[in-house]
Amino acid sequence: MSEISVSRIAYVLALLGGILLAILGLLSFFGYSIENFGSVLHWRFFAYESIVAIICGVIAIIGSKSATTLVWAIVLLIVGIIGGGLGGLLVVLAGLLGLIVAITKKT
């Protein structure tokens, strides 16, 4: 059985969560824009929510490589909370693991 470090788990969780956030945000954006074609106000509300999820997903994907640094762990926590959903939960878990690694890292 191979040993997997906590920092590697944080990286994988942040990457998977970011990918999920981005993909589900894109699907939500295109799904609601096609489904609710008649109501512009209704479309705008879900479009903003989808755009926020896409942006959070991209930030999580970019920050996944640096999940074990203190600043990026905090950024991942905030992005996961804002993004929400299953992808956001994975990003929050990655941020917590990255925060644990950053705090317990020997200097």
PDB file of N, CA and C in Angstrom:
ATOM      1  N   MET A   1       0.835  -1.180   0.000  1.00  0.00           N
ATOM      2  CA  MET A   1       0.000   0.000   0.000  1.00  0.00           C
ATOM      3  C   MET A   1       0.881   1.244   0.000  1.00  0.00           C
ATOM      4  N   SER A   2       0.649   2.119  -0.919  1.00  0.00           N
ATOM      5  CA  SER A   2       1.482   3.314  -1.033  1.00  0.00           C
ATOM      6  C   SER A   2       1.016   4.396  -0.060  1.00  0.00           C
ATOM      7  N   GLU A   3       1.964   5.142   0.433  1.00  0.00           N
ATOM      8  CA  GLU A   3       1.675   6.227   1.369  1.00  0.00           C
ATOM      9  C   GLU A   3       1.389   7.505   0.582  1.00  0.00           C
ATOM     10  N   ILE A   4       0.313   8.172   0.934  1.00  0.00           N
ATOM     11  CA  ILE A   4      -0.050   9.427   0.293  1.00  0.00           C
ATOM     12  C   ILE A   4       0.020  10.514   1.356  1.00  0.00           C
ATOM     13  N   SER A   5       0.735  11.584   1.062  1.00  0.00           N
ATOM     14  CA  SER A   5       0.890  12.644   2.050  1.00  0.00           C
ATOM     15  C   SER A   5      -0.376  13.504   2.124  1.00  0.00           C
ATOM     16  N   VAL A   6      -0.496  14.214   3.214  1.00  0.00           N
ATOM     17  CA  VAL A   6      -1.650  15.085   3.421  1.00  0.00           C
ATOM     18  C   VAL A   6      -1.639  16.218   2.406  1.00  0.00           C
ATOM     19  N   SER A   7      -0.453  16.696   2.052  1.00  0.00           N
ATOM     20  CA  SER A   7      -0.376  17.771   1.066  1.00  0.00           C
ATOM     21  C   SER A   7      -0.849  17.298  -0.313  1.00  0.00           C
ATOM     22  N   ARG A   8      -0.580  16.059  -0.651  1.00  0.00           N
ATOM     23  CA  ARG A   8      -1.048  15.499  -1.921  1.00  0.00           C
ATOM     24  C   ARG A   8      -2.578  15.339  -1.912  1.00  0.00           C
ATOM     25  N   ILE A   9      -3.127  14.941  -0.785  1.00  0.00           N
ATOM     26  CA  ILE A   9      -4.583  14.819  -0.661  1.00  0.00           C
ATOM     27  C   ILE A   9      -5.236  16.195  -0.810  1.00  0.00           C
ATOM     28  N   ALA A  10      -4.624  17.218  -0.187  1.00  0.00           N
ATOM     29  CA  ALA A  10      -5.155  18.580  -0.310  1.00  0.00           C
ATOM     30  C   ALA A  10      -5.125  19.043  -1.758  1.00  0.00           C
ATOM     31  N   TYR A  11      -4.038  18.719  -2.459  1.00  0.00           N
ATOM     32  CA  TYR A  11      -3.922  19.089  -3.879  1.00  0.00           C
ATOM     33  C   TYR A  11      -5.015  18.421  -4.710  1.00  0.00           C
ATOM     34  N   VAL A  12      -5.208  17.130  -4.512  1.00  0.00           N
ATOM     35  CA  VAL A  12      -6.199  16.389  -5.296  1.00  0.00           C
ATOM     36  C   VAL A  12      -7.617  16.874  -4.992  1.00  0.00           C
ATOM     37  N   LEU A  13      -7.915  17.109  -3.712  1.00  0.00           N
ATOM     38  CA  LEU A  13      -9.247  17.591  -3.344  1.00  0.00           C
ATOM     39  C   LEU A  13      -9.523  18.973  -3.937  1.00  0.00           C
ATOM     40  N   ALA A  14      -8.536  19.858  -3.884  1.00  0.00           N
ATOM     41  CA  ALA A  14      -8.725  21.197  -4.442  1.00  0.00           C
ATOM     42  C   ALA A  14      -8.896  21.135  -5.957  1.00  0.00           C
ATOM     43  N   LEU A  15      -8.136  20.279  -6.604  1.00  0.00           N
ATOM     44  CA  LEU A  15      -8.249  20.152  -8.058  1.00  0.00           C
ATOM     45  C   LEU A  15      -9.601  19.577  -8.461  1.00  0.00           C
ATOM     46  N   LEU A  16     -10.018  18.506  -7.805  1.00  0.00           N
ATOM     47  CA  LEU A  16     -11.322  17.915  -8.124  1.00  0.00           C
ATOM     48  C   LEU A  16     -12.472  18.871  -7.803  1.00  0.00           C
ATOM     49  N   GLY A  17     -12.383  19.537  -6.658  1.00  0.00           N
ATOM     50  CA  GLY A  17     -13.420  20.500  -6.290  1.00  0.00           C
ATOM     51  C   GLY A  17     -13.493  21.667  -7.264  1.00  0.00           C
ATOM     52  N   GLY A  18     -12.335  22.158  -7.693  1.00  0.00           N
ATOM     53  CA  GLY A  18     -12.317  23.248  -8.668  1.00  0.00           C
ATOM     54  C   GLY A  18     -12.891  22.840 -10.014  1.00  0.00           C
ATOM     55  N   ILE A  19     -12.553  21.633 -10.442  1.00  0.00           N
ATOM     56  CA  ILE A  19     -13.095  21.133 -11.704  1.00  0.00           C
ATOM     57  C   ILE A  19     -14.614  20.976 -11.602  1.00  0.00           C
ATOM     58  N   LEU A  20     -15.078  20.423 -10.478  1.00  0.00           N
ATOM     59  CA  LEU A  20     -16.526  20.277 -10.281  1.00  0.00           C
ATOM     60  C   LEU A  20     -17.229  21.633 -10.251  1.00  0.00           C
ATOM     61  N   LEU A  21     -16.657  22.601  -9.550  1.00  0.00           N
ATOM     62  CA  LEU A  21     -17.252  23.930  -9.497  1.00  0.00           C
ATOM     63  C   LEU A  21     -17.353  24.540 -10.890  1.00  0.00           C
ATOM     64  N   ALA A  22     -16.285  24.440 -11.660  1.00  0.00           N
ATOM     65  CA  ALA A  22     -16.277  25.042 -12.990  1.00  0.00           C
ATOM     66  C   ALA A  22     -17.267  24.343 -13.932  1.00  0.00           C
ATOM     67  N   ILE A  23     -17.259  23.019 -13.923  1.00  0.00           N
ATOM     68  CA  ILE A  23     -18.144  22.280 -14.830  1.00  0.00           C
ATOM     69  C   ILE A  23     -19.609  22.476 -14.451  1.00  0.00           C
ATOM     70  N   LEU A  24     -19.920  22.367 -13.164  1.00  0.00           N
ATOM     71  CA  LEU A  24     -21.306  22.549 -12.749  1.00  0.00           C
ATOM     72  C   LEU A  24     -21.763  23.997 -12.944  1.00  0.00           C
ATOM     73  N   GLY A  25     -20.855  24.948 -12.793  1.00  0.00           N
ATOM     74  CA  GLY A  25     -21.183  26.346 -13.077  1.00  0.00           C
ATOM     75  C   GLY A  25     -21.483  26.564 -14.548  1.00  0.00           C
ATOM     76  N   LEU A  26     -20.679  25.944 -15.411  1.00  0.00           N
ATOM     77  CA  LEU A  26     -20.944  26.048 -16.856  1.00  0.00           C
ATOM     78  C   LEU A  26     -22.260  25.390 -17.229  1.00  0.00           C
ATOM     79  N   LEU A  27     -22.508  24.201 -16.693  1.00  0.00           N
ATOM     80  CA  LEU A  27     -23.768  23.527 -16.992  1.00  0.00           C
ATOM     81  C   LEU A  27     -24.959  24.326 -16.482  1.00  0.00           C
ATOM     82  N   SER A  28     -24.819  24.909 -15.313  1.00  0.00           N
ATOM     83  CA  SER A  28     -25.891  25.722 -14.757  1.00  0.00           C
ATOM     84  C   SER A  28     -26.119  26.967 -15.602  1.00  0.00           C
ATOM     85  N   PHE A  29     -25.049  27.576 -16.050  1.00  0.00           N
ATOM     86  CA  PHE A  29     -25.169  28.784 -16.863  1.00  0.00           C
ATOM     87  C   PHE A  29     -25.885  28.499 -18.178  1.00  0.00           C
ATOM     88  N   PHE A  30     -25.445  27.473 -18.878  1.00  0.00           N
ATOM     89  CA  PHE A  30     -26.069  27.171 -20.166  1.00  0.00           C
ATOM     90  C   PHE A  30     -27.445  26.551 -19.998  1.00  0.00           C
ATOM     91  N   GLY A  31     -27.636  25.773 -18.958  1.00  0.00           N
ATOM     92  CA  GLY A  31     -28.944  25.160 -18.732  1.00  0.00           C
ATOM     93  C   GLY A  31     -30.014  26.180 -18.425  1.00  0.00           C
ATOM     94  N   TYR A  32     -29.710  27.131 -17.560  1.00  0.00           N
ATOM     95  CA  TYR A  32     -30.702  28.129 -17.193  1.00  0.00           C
ATOM     96  C   TYR A  32     -30.890  29.161 -18.294  1.00  0.00           C
ATOM     97  N   SER A  33     -29.841  29.461 -19.053  1.00  0.00           N
ATOM     98  CA  SER A  33     -30.002  30.454 -20.112  1.00  0.00           C
ATOM     99  C   SER A  33     -30.845  29.898 -21.260  1.00  0.00           C
ATOM    100  N   ILE A  34     -30.808  28.607 -21.482  1.00  0.00           N
ATOM    101  CA  ILE A  34     -31.634  28.001 -22.524  1.00  0.00           C
ATOM    102  C   ILE A  34     -33.044  27.746 -21.994  1.00  0.00           C
ATOM    103  N   GLU A  35     -33.141  27.267 -20.751  1.00  0.00           N
ATOM    104  CA  GLU A  35     -34.433  26.901 -20.185  1.00  0.00           C
ATOM    105  C   GLU A  35     -35.324  28.121 -19.952  1.00  0.00           C
ATOM    106  N   ASN A  36     -34.782  29.187 -19.435  1.00  0.00           N
ATOM    107  CA  ASN A  36     -35.559  30.371 -19.089  1.00  0.00           C
ATOM    108  C   ASN A  36     -35.294  31.494 -20.086  1.00  0.00           C
ATOM    109  N   PHE A  37     -35.486  31.215 -21.329  1.00  0.00           N
ATOM    110  CA  PHE A  37     -35.172  32.177 -22.383  1.00  0.00           C
ATOM    111  C   PHE A  37     -36.082  33.396 -22.337  1.00  0.00           C
ATOM    112  N   GLY A  38     -37.311  33.239 -21.886  1.00  0.00           N
ATOM    113  CA  GLY A  38     -38.270  34.337 -21.908  1.00  0.00           C
ATOM    114  C   GLY A  38     -38.057  35.358 -20.811  1.00  0.00           C
ATOM    115  N   SER A  39     -37.639  34.937 -19.654  1.00  0.00           N
ATOM    116  CA  SER A  39     -37.520  35.843 -18.514  1.00  0.00           C
ATOM    117  C   SER A  39     -36.076  36.299 -18.348  1.00  0.00           C
ATOM    118  N   VAL A  40     -35.809  37.556 -18.649  1.00  0.00           N
ATOM    119  CA  VAL A  40     -34.451  38.076 -18.562  1.00  0.00           C
ATOM    120  C   VAL A  40     -34.014  38.211 -17.108  1.00  0.00           C
ATOM    121  N   LEU A  41     -34.895  38.668 -16.231  1.00  0.00           N
ATOM    122  CA  LEU A  41     -34.547  38.845 -14.824  1.00  0.00           C
ATOM    123  C   LEU A  41     -34.215  37.502 -14.185  1.00  0.00           C
ATOM    124  N   HIS A  42     -34.997  36.487 -14.472  1.00  0.00           N
ATOM    125  CA  HIS A  42     -34.746  35.162 -13.932  1.00  0.00           C
ATOM    126  C   HIS A  42     -33.417  34.624 -14.458  1.00  0.00           C
ATOM    127  N   TRP A  43     -33.124  34.854 -15.724  1.00  0.00           N
ATOM    128  CA  TRP A  43     -31.880  34.382 -16.327  1.00  0.00           C
ATOM    129  C   TRP A  43     -30.685  35.076 -15.696  1.00  0.00           C
ATOM    130  N   ARG A  44     -30.799  36.370 -15.437  1.00  0.00           N
ATOM    131  CA  ARG A  44     -29.674  37.109 -14.870  1.00  0.00           C
ATOM    132  C   ARG A  44     -29.326  36.614 -13.474  1.00  0.00           C
ATOM    133  N   PHE A  45     -30.324  36.295 -12.668  1.00  0.00           N
ATOM    134  CA  PHE A  45     -30.049  35.820 -11.319  1.00  0.00           C
ATOM    135  C   PHE A  45     -29.225  34.535 -11.360  1.00  0.00           C
ATOM    136  N   PHE A  46     -29.640  33.580 -12.160  1.00  0.00           N
ATOM    137  CA  PHE A  46     -28.911  32.319 -12.225  1.00  0.00           C
ATOM    138  C   PHE A  46     -27.609  32.464 -12.993  1.00  0.00           C
ATOM    139  N   ALA A  47     -27.544  33.410 -13.908  1.00  0.00           N
ATOM    140  CA  ALA A  47     -26.300  33.633 -14.627  1.00  0.00           C
ATOM    141  C   ALA A  47     -25.230  34.155 -13.679  1.00  0.00           C
ATOM    142  N   TYR A  48     -25.588  35.076 -12.782  1.00  0.00           N
ATOM    143  CA  TYR A  48     -24.610  35.585 -11.828  1.00  0.00           C
ATOM    144  C   TYR A  48     -24.134  34.487 -10.897  1.00  0.00           C
ATOM    145  N   GLU A  49     -25.050  33.657 -10.436  1.00  0.00           N
ATOM    146  CA  GLU A  49     -24.685  32.542  -9.561  1.00  0.00           C
ATOM    147  C   GLU A  49     -23.745  31.578 -10.286  1.00  0.00           C
ATOM    148  N   SER A  50     -24.006  31.322 -11.542  1.00  0.00           N
ATOM    149  CA  SER A  50     -23.172  30.423 -12.322  1.00  0.00           C
ATOM    150  C   SER A  50     -21.807  31.025 -12.592  1.00  0.00           C
ATOM    151  N   ILE A  51     -21.761  32.308 -12.866  1.00  0.00           N
ATOM    152  CA  ILE A  51     -20.482  32.971 -13.127  1.00  0.00           C
ATOM    153  C   ILE A  51     -19.618  32.960 -11.874  1.00  0.00           C
ATOM    154  N   VAL A  52     -20.216  33.159 -10.716  1.00  0.00           N
ATOM    155  CA  VAL A  52     -19.461  33.095  -9.460  1.00  0.00           C
ATOM    156  C   VAL A  52     -18.899  31.691  -9.253  1.00  0.00           C
ATOM    157  N   ALA A  53     -19.681  30.665  -9.545  1.00  0.00           N
ATOM    158  CA  ALA A  53     -19.206  29.282  -9.407  1.00  0.00           C
ATOM    159  C   ALA A  53     -18.066  28.995 -10.376  1.00  0.00           C
ATOM    160  N   ILE A  54     -18.156  29.498 -11.594  1.00  0.00           N
ATOM    161  CA  ILE A  54     -17.091  29.290 -12.578  1.00  0.00           C
ATOM    162  C   ILE A  54     -15.811  29.973 -12.119  1.00  0.00           C
ATOM    163  N   ILE A  55     -15.922  31.216 -11.653  1.00  0.00           N
ATOM    164  CA  ILE A  55     -14.742  31.951 -11.197  1.00  0.00           C
ATOM    165  C   ILE A  55     -14.113  31.260  -9.980  1.00  0.00           C
ATOM    166  N   CYS A  56     -14.945  30.814  -9.059  1.00  0.00           N
ATOM    167  CA  CYS A  56     -14.434  30.101  -7.891  1.00  0.00           C
ATOM    168  C   CYS A  56     -13.738  28.798  -8.301  1.00  0.00           C
ATOM    169  N   GLY A  57     -14.291  28.110  -9.284  1.00  0.00           N
ATOM    170  CA  GLY A  57     -13.672  26.880  -9.772  1.00  0.00           C
ATOM    171  C   GLY A  57     -12.317  27.130 -10.392  1.00  0.00           C
ATOM    172  N   VAL A  58     -12.204  28.194 -11.171  1.00  0.00           N
ATOM    173  CA  VAL A  58     -10.914  28.521 -11.799  1.00  0.00           C
ATOM    174  C   VAL A  58      -9.886  28.904 -10.737  1.00  0.00           C
ATOM    175  N   ILE A  59     -10.302  29.679  -9.748  1.00  0.00           N
ATOM    176  CA  ILE A  59      -9.383  30.051  -8.669  1.00  0.00           C
ATOM    177  C   ILE A  59      -8.935  28.812  -7.897  1.00  0.00           C
ATOM    178  N   ALA A  60      -9.850  27.884  -7.646  1.00  0.00           N
ATOM    179  CA  ALA A  60      -9.499  26.653  -6.933  1.00  0.00           C
ATOM    180  C   ALA A  60      -8.543  25.794  -7.748  1.00  0.00           C
ATOM    181  N   ILE A  61      -8.743  25.739  -9.064  1.00  0.00           N
ATOM    182  CA  ILE A  61      -7.834  24.964  -9.918  1.00  0.00           C
ATOM    183  C   ILE A  61      -6.444  25.585  -9.906  1.00  0.00           C
ATOM    184  N   ILE A  62      -6.379  26.903  -9.996  1.00  0.00           N
ATOM    185  CA  ILE A  62      -5.082  27.590  -9.987  1.00  0.00           C
ATOM    186  C   ILE A  62      -4.397  27.418  -8.632  1.00  0.00           C
ATOM    187  N   GLY A  63      -5.165  27.523  -7.545  1.00  0.00           N
ATOM    188  CA  GLY A  63      -4.583  27.432  -6.215  1.00  0.00           C
ATOM    189  C   GLY A  63      -4.336  26.034  -5.711  1.00  0.00           C
ATOM    190  N   SER A  64      -4.758  25.033  -6.449  1.00  0.00           N
ATOM    191  CA  SER A  64      -4.607  23.664  -5.964  1.00  0.00           C
ATOM    192  C   SER A  64      -3.140  23.257  -5.830  1.00  0.00           C
ATOM    193  N   LYS A  65      -2.302  23.766  -6.703  1.00  0.00           N
ATOM    194  CA  LYS A  65      -0.885  23.412  -6.664  1.00  0.00           C
ATOM    195  C   LYS A  65      -0.207  23.971  -5.412  1.00  0.00           C
ATOM    196  N   SER A  66      -0.702  25.092  -4.908  1.00  0.00           N
ATOM    197  CA  SER A  66      -0.110  25.736  -3.733  1.00  0.00           C
ATOM    198  C   SER A  66      -1.010  25.607  -2.513  1.00  0.00           C
ATOM    199  N   ALA A  67      -1.727  24.516  -2.403  1.00  0.00           N
ATOM    200  CA  ALA A  67      -2.716  24.355  -1.332  1.00  0.00           C
ATOM    201  C   ALA A  67      -2.094  24.289   0.048  1.00  0.00           C
ATOM    202  N   THR A  68      -0.811  23.980   0.133  1.00  0.00           N
ATOM    203  CA  THR A  68      -0.189  23.825   1.443  1.00  0.00           C
ATOM    204  C   THR A  68       0.494  25.093   1.936  1.00  0.00           C
ATOM    205  N   THR A  69       0.441  26.172   1.188  1.00  0.00           N
ATOM    206  CA  THR A  69       0.939  27.438   1.709  1.00  0.00           C
ATOM    207  C   THR A  69      -0.191  28.120   2.473  1.00  0.00           C
ATOM    208  N   LEU A  70       0.171  28.921   3.452  1.00  0.00           N
ATOM    209  CA  LEU A  70      -0.817  29.501   4.352  1.00  0.00           C
ATOM    210  C   LEU A  70      -1.816  30.392   3.620  1.00  0.00           C
ATOM    211  N   VAL A  71      -1.328  31.242   2.743  1.00  0.00           N
ATOM    212  CA  VAL A  71      -2.206  32.184   2.043  1.00  0.00           C
ATOM    213  C   VAL A  71      -3.175  31.447   1.130  1.00  0.00           C
ATOM    214  N   TRP A  72      -2.677  30.476   0.358  1.00  0.00           N
ATOM    215  CA  TRP A  72      -3.555  29.753  -0.565  1.00  0.00           C
ATOM    216  C   TRP A  72      -4.523  28.850   0.171  1.00  0.00           C
ATOM    217  N   ALA A  73      -4.145  28.340   1.337  1.00  0.00           N
ATOM    218  CA  ALA A  73      -5.080  27.528   2.117  1.00  0.00           C
ATOM    219  C   ALA A  73      -6.256  28.383   2.574  1.00  0.00           C
ATOM    220  N   ILE A  74      -5.972  29.605   3.000  1.00  0.00           N
ATOM    221  CA  ILE A  74      -7.046  30.512   3.406  1.00  0.00           C
ATOM    222  C   ILE A  74      -7.895  30.908   2.202  1.00  0.00           C
ATOM    223  N   VAL A  75      -7.250  31.160   1.059  1.00  0.00           N
ATOM    224  CA  VAL A  75      -7.985  31.505  -0.165  1.00  0.00           C
ATOM    225  C   VAL A  75      -8.898  30.349  -0.571  1.00  0.00           C
ATOM    226  N   LEU A  76      -8.403  29.130  -0.481  1.00  0.00           N
ATOM    227  CA  LEU A  76      -9.219  27.964  -0.837  1.00  0.00           C
ATOM    228  C   LEU A  76     -10.406  27.809   0.103  1.00  0.00           C
ATOM    229  N   LEU A  77     -10.215  28.092   1.381  1.00  0.00           N
ATOM    230  CA  LEU A  77     -11.337  28.049   2.318  1.00  0.00           C
ATOM    231  C   LEU A  77     -12.419  29.044   1.915  1.00  0.00           C
ATOM    232  N   ILE A  78     -12.017  30.267   1.625  1.00  0.00           N
ATOM    233  CA  ILE A  78     -12.984  31.308   1.262  1.00  0.00           C
ATOM    234  C   ILE A  78     -13.665  30.981  -0.062  1.00  0.00           C
ATOM    235  N   VAL A  79     -12.884  30.528  -1.038  1.00  0.00           N
ATOM    236  CA  VAL A  79     -13.444  30.194  -2.353  1.00  0.00           C
ATOM    237  C   VAL A  79     -14.426  29.037  -2.244  1.00  0.00           C
ATOM    238  N   GLY A  80     -14.112  28.047  -1.433  1.00  0.00           N
ATOM    239  CA  GLY A  80     -15.018  26.909  -1.253  1.00  0.00           C
ATOM    240  C   GLY A  80     -16.323  27.301  -0.594  1.00  0.00           C
ATOM    241  N   ILE A  81     -16.244  28.209   0.374  1.00  0.00           N
ATOM    242  CA  ILE A  81     -17.466  28.667   1.041  1.00  0.00           C
ATOM    243  C   ILE A  81     -18.323  29.476   0.082  1.00  0.00           C
ATOM    244  N   ILE A  82     -17.694  30.337  -0.707  1.00  0.00           N
ATOM    245  CA  ILE A  82     -18.450  31.158  -1.660  1.00  0.00           C
ATOM    246  C   ILE A  82     -19.022  30.295  -2.781  1.00  0.00           C
ATOM    247  N   GLY A  83     -18.228  29.341  -3.281  1.00  0.00           N
ATOM    248  CA  GLY A  83     -18.665  28.507  -4.397  1.00  0.00           C
ATOM    249  C   GLY A  83     -19.823  27.603  -4.050  1.00  0.00           C
ATOM    250  N   GLY A  84     -19.774  26.984  -2.885  1.00  0.00           N
ATOM    251  CA  GLY A  84     -20.853  26.123  -2.434  1.00  0.00           C
ATOM    252  C   GLY A  84     -20.958  24.823  -3.205  1.00  0.00           C
ATOM    253  N   GLY A  85     -21.892  24.008  -2.809  1.00  0.00           N
ATOM    254  CA  GLY A  85     -22.131  22.733  -3.482  1.00  0.00           C
ATOM    255  C   GLY A  85     -21.076  21.694  -3.147  1.00  0.00           C
ATOM    256  N   LEU A  86     -21.072  20.607  -3.909  1.00  0.00           N
ATOM    257  CA  LEU A  86     -20.124  19.520  -3.685  1.00  0.00           C
ATOM    258  C   LEU A  86     -18.698  19.958  -3.995  1.00  0.00           C
ATOM    259  N   GLY A  87     -18.515  20.688  -5.079  1.00  0.00           N
ATOM    260  CA  GLY A  87     -17.180  21.189  -5.418  1.00  0.00           C
ATOM    261  C   GLY A  87     -16.645  22.124  -4.347  1.00  0.00           C
ATOM    262  N   GLY A  88     -17.513  22.982  -3.839  1.00  0.00           N
ATOM    263  CA  GLY A  88     -17.103  23.891  -2.776  1.00  0.00           C
ATOM    264  C   GLY A  88     -16.715  23.150  -1.507  1.00  0.00           C
ATOM    265  N   LEU A  89     -17.444  22.082  -1.205  1.00  0.00           N
ATOM    266  CA  LEU A  89     -17.114  21.278  -0.033  1.00  0.00           C
ATOM    267  C   LEU A  89     -15.733  20.639  -0.172  1.00  0.00           C
ATOM    268  N   LEU A  90     -15.427  20.118  -1.352  1.00  0.00           N
ATOM    269  CA  LEU A  90     -14.108  19.528  -1.581  1.00  0.00           C
ATOM    270  C   LEU A  90     -13.011  20.573  -1.464  1.00  0.00           C
ATOM    271  N   VAL A  91     -13.271  21.771  -1.956  1.00  0.00           N
ATOM    272  CA  VAL A  91     -12.281  22.846  -1.875  1.00  0.00           C
ATOM    273  C   VAL A  91     -12.087  23.282  -0.423  1.00  0.00           C
ATOM    274  N   VAL A  92     -13.163  23.333   0.358  1.00  0.00           N
ATOM    275  CA  VAL A  92     -13.040  23.681   1.776  1.00  0.00           C
ATOM    276  C   VAL A  92     -12.218  22.625   2.513  1.00  0.00           C
ATOM    277  N   LEU A  93     -12.468  21.353   2.234  1.00  0.00           N
ATOM    278  CA  LEU A  93     -11.681  20.284   2.857  1.00  0.00           C
ATOM    279  C   LEU A  93     -10.205  20.393   2.476  1.00  0.00           C
ATOM    280  N   ALA A  94      -9.942  20.710   1.213  1.00  0.00           N
ATOM    281  CA  ALA A  94      -8.559  20.902   0.770  1.00  0.00           C
ATOM    282  C   ALA A  94      -7.926  22.091   1.479  1.00  0.00           C
ATOM    283  N   GLY A  95      -8.683  23.159   1.651  1.00  0.00           N
ATOM    284  CA  GLY A  95      -8.169  24.321   2.364  1.00  0.00           C
ATOM    285  C   GLY A  95      -7.861  24.004   3.819  1.00  0.00           C
ATOM    286  N   LEU A  96      -8.729  23.218   4.465  1.00  0.00           N
ATOM    287  CA  LEU A  96      -8.477  22.826   5.851  1.00  0.00           C
ATOM    288  C   LEU A  96      -7.229  21.948   5.966  1.00  0.00           C
ATOM    289  N   LEU A  97      -7.092  20.989   5.061  1.00  0.00           N
ATOM    290  CA  LEU A  97      -5.896  20.138   5.077  1.00  0.00           C
ATOM    291  C   LEU A  97      -4.644  20.956   4.779  1.00  0.00           C
ATOM    292  N   GLY A  98      -4.741  21.868   3.828  1.00  0.00           N
ATOM    293  CA  GLY A  98      -3.604  22.738   3.524  1.00  0.00           C
ATOM    294  C   GLY A  98      -3.244  23.635   4.690  1.00  0.00           C
ATOM    295  N   LEU A  99      -4.245  24.102   5.398  1.00  0.00           N
ATOM    296  CA  LEU A  99      -4.004  24.932   6.582  1.00  0.00           C
ATOM    297  C   LEU A  99      -3.314  24.130   7.682  1.00  0.00           C
ATOM    298  N   ILE A 100      -3.735  22.896   7.870  1.00  0.00           N
ATOM    299  CA  ILE A 100      -3.090  22.033   8.865  1.00  0.00           C
ATOM    300  C   ILE A 100      -1.632  21.798   8.497  1.00  0.00           C
ATOM    301  N   VAL A 101      -1.364  21.517   7.225  1.00  0.00           N
ATOM    302  CA  VAL A 101       0.011  21.287   6.783  1.00  0.00           C
ATOM    303  C   VAL A 101       0.840  22.559   6.936  1.00  0.00           C
ATOM    304  N   ALA A 102       0.273  23.717   6.586  1.00  0.00           N
ATOM    305  CA  ALA A 102       1.018  24.968   6.666  1.00  0.00           C
ATOM    306  C   ALA A 102       1.340  25.344   8.104  1.00  0.00           C
ATOM    307  N   ILE A 103       0.413  25.065   9.018  1.00  0.00           N
ATOM    308  CA  ILE A 103       0.657  25.412  10.419  1.00  0.00           C
ATOM    309  C   ILE A 103       1.639  24.452  11.075  1.00  0.00           C
ATOM    310  N   THR A 104       1.564  23.180  10.749  1.00  0.00           N
ATOM    311  CA  THR A 104       2.420  22.190  11.392  1.00  0.00           C
ATOM    312  C   THR A 104       3.758  22.001  10.681  1.00  0.00           C
ATOM    313  N   LYS A 105       3.974  22.718   9.590  1.00  0.00           N
ATOM    314  CA  LYS A 105       5.229  22.578   8.843  1.00  0.00           C
ATOM    315  C   LYS A 105       6.389  23.094   9.693  1.00  0.00           C
ATOM    316  N   LYS A 106       7.449  22.325   9.720  1.00  0.00           N
ATOM    317  CA  LYS A 106       8.634  22.726  10.492  1.00  0.00           C
ATOM    318  C   LYS A 106       9.391  23.799   9.723  1.00  0.00           C
ATOM    319  N   THR A 107       9.836  24.801  10.456  1.00  0.00           N
ATOM    320  CA  THR A 107      10.572  25.895   9.805  1.00  0.00           C
ATOM    321  C   THR A 107      12.048  25.779  10.053  1.00  0.00           C
TER     322      THR A 107
END
